[in-house]
Protein backbone atom coordinates (compact mmCIF):
# COMPACT_ATOMS: atom_id res chain seq x y z
CA MET A 1 -17.82 7.15 1.27
CA LYS A 2 -15.25 4.63 2.43
CA LEU A 3 -12.17 4.01 0.32
CA ARG A 4 -9.11 1.84 0.83
CA VAL A 5 -5.70 2.95 -0.36
CA PHE A 6 -3.03 0.27 -0.86
CA VAL A 7 0.53 1.61 -0.92
CA THR A 8 3.47 -0.58 -1.98
CA LEU A 9 7.07 -0.02 -2.93
CA LYS A 10 7.72 0.16 -6.65
CA ALA A 11 9.49 -2.73 -8.35
CA GLY A 12 13.24 -2.42 -7.98
CA VAL A 13 13.08 -0.52 -4.69
CA LEU A 14 14.72 -2.47 -1.87
CA ASP A 15 12.31 -3.64 0.82
CA PRO A 16 14.27 -4.35 4.01
CA GLN A 17 11.10 -4.97 6.05
CA GLY A 18 9.85 -7.47 3.50
CA GLU A 19 13.23 -9.21 3.54
CA ALA A 20 13.14 -9.39 7.36
CA VAL A 21 9.68 -10.98 7.19
CA ARG A 22 10.90 -13.48 4.55
CA HIS A 23 13.84 -14.42 6.74
CA ALA A 24 11.62 -14.79 9.85
CA LEU A 25 9.18 -17.01 7.96
CA GLY A 26 12.07 -19.27 6.97
CA ALA A 27 13.25 -19.41 10.58
CA LEU A 28 9.72 -20.49 11.60
CA GLY A 29 9.85 -23.39 9.16
CA PHE A 30 7.88 -21.87 6.27
CA GLU A 31 9.98 -23.05 3.35
CA GLY A 32 9.64 -21.93 -0.23
CA VAL A 33 8.96 -18.25 0.46
CA ASN A 34 11.14 -16.68 -2.22
CA GLY A 35 10.19 -13.08 -1.59
CA VAL A 36 8.04 -10.78 0.52
CA ARG A 37 7.02 -7.20 -0.29
CA GLN A 38 5.48 -5.23 2.54
CA GLY A 39 3.05 -2.36 2.12
CA LYS A 40 0.31 -0.53 3.94
CA MET A 41 -3.45 -0.18 3.68
CA ILE A 42 -5.17 3.06 4.66
CA GLU A 43 -8.95 3.24 5.03
CA LEU A 44 -10.52 6.63 4.42
CA ASP A 45 -14.05 7.56 5.47
CA LEU A 46 -14.87 10.64 3.39
CA ALA A 47 -17.92 12.88 3.67
CA GLU A 48 -18.05 13.07 -0.15
CA THR A 49 -20.87 10.94 -1.61
CA ASP A 50 -19.95 11.23 -5.30
CA ALA A 51 -17.65 8.29 -6.12
CA ASP A 52 -15.60 10.14 -8.74
CA LYS A 53 -15.04 13.14 -6.49
CA ALA A 54 -14.14 10.92 -3.53
CA ARG A 55 -11.63 9.02 -5.66
CA ALA A 56 -10.13 12.31 -6.89
CA GLN A 57 -9.76 13.50 -3.28
CA ALA A 58 -8.07 10.25 -2.31
CA HIS A 59 -5.72 10.53 -5.29
CA ASP A 60 -4.73 14.05 -4.18
CA MET A 61 -4.19 12.80 -0.62
CA CYS A 62 -1.90 10.04 -1.91
CA GLU A 63 0.14 12.42 -4.05
CA LYS A 64 0.55 14.93 -1.21
CA LEU A 65 0.86 12.77 1.92
CA LEU A 66 -0.13 9.11 1.95
CA ALA A 67 2.41 7.82 -0.58
CA ASN A 68 5.84 8.83 -1.78
CA PRO A 69 5.34 8.77 -5.57
CA VAL A 70 9.11 8.56 -6.15
CA ILE A 71 9.43 5.09 -4.58
CA GLU A 72 5.85 3.94 -3.94
CA SER A 73 2.83 3.13 -6.03
CA TYR A 74 -0.77 3.00 -4.83
CA HIS A 75 -4.21 1.99 -5.88
CA ILE A 76 -7.59 3.00 -4.52
CA GLU A 77 -10.60 0.74 -3.99
CA GLN A 78 -14.08 1.42 -2.71
CA ALA A 79 -14.54 -0.24 0.69
């Protein structure tokens, strides 16, 4: 089963990469971009065929490795 995990910084956590992208967009002439938050998408191809079990595995992976739950949030979607 294929799942996608989207990891983003929690609200209130500074995002220097997002700010650099916002600044670069302004320098390229893209006006009106008030903010940019950068994240990551991870695609998992799991051998598990049961959707609930696959989602539970992905949740465990996020809590242990893929995301830092102190400063990041994540959500999981079926691909």
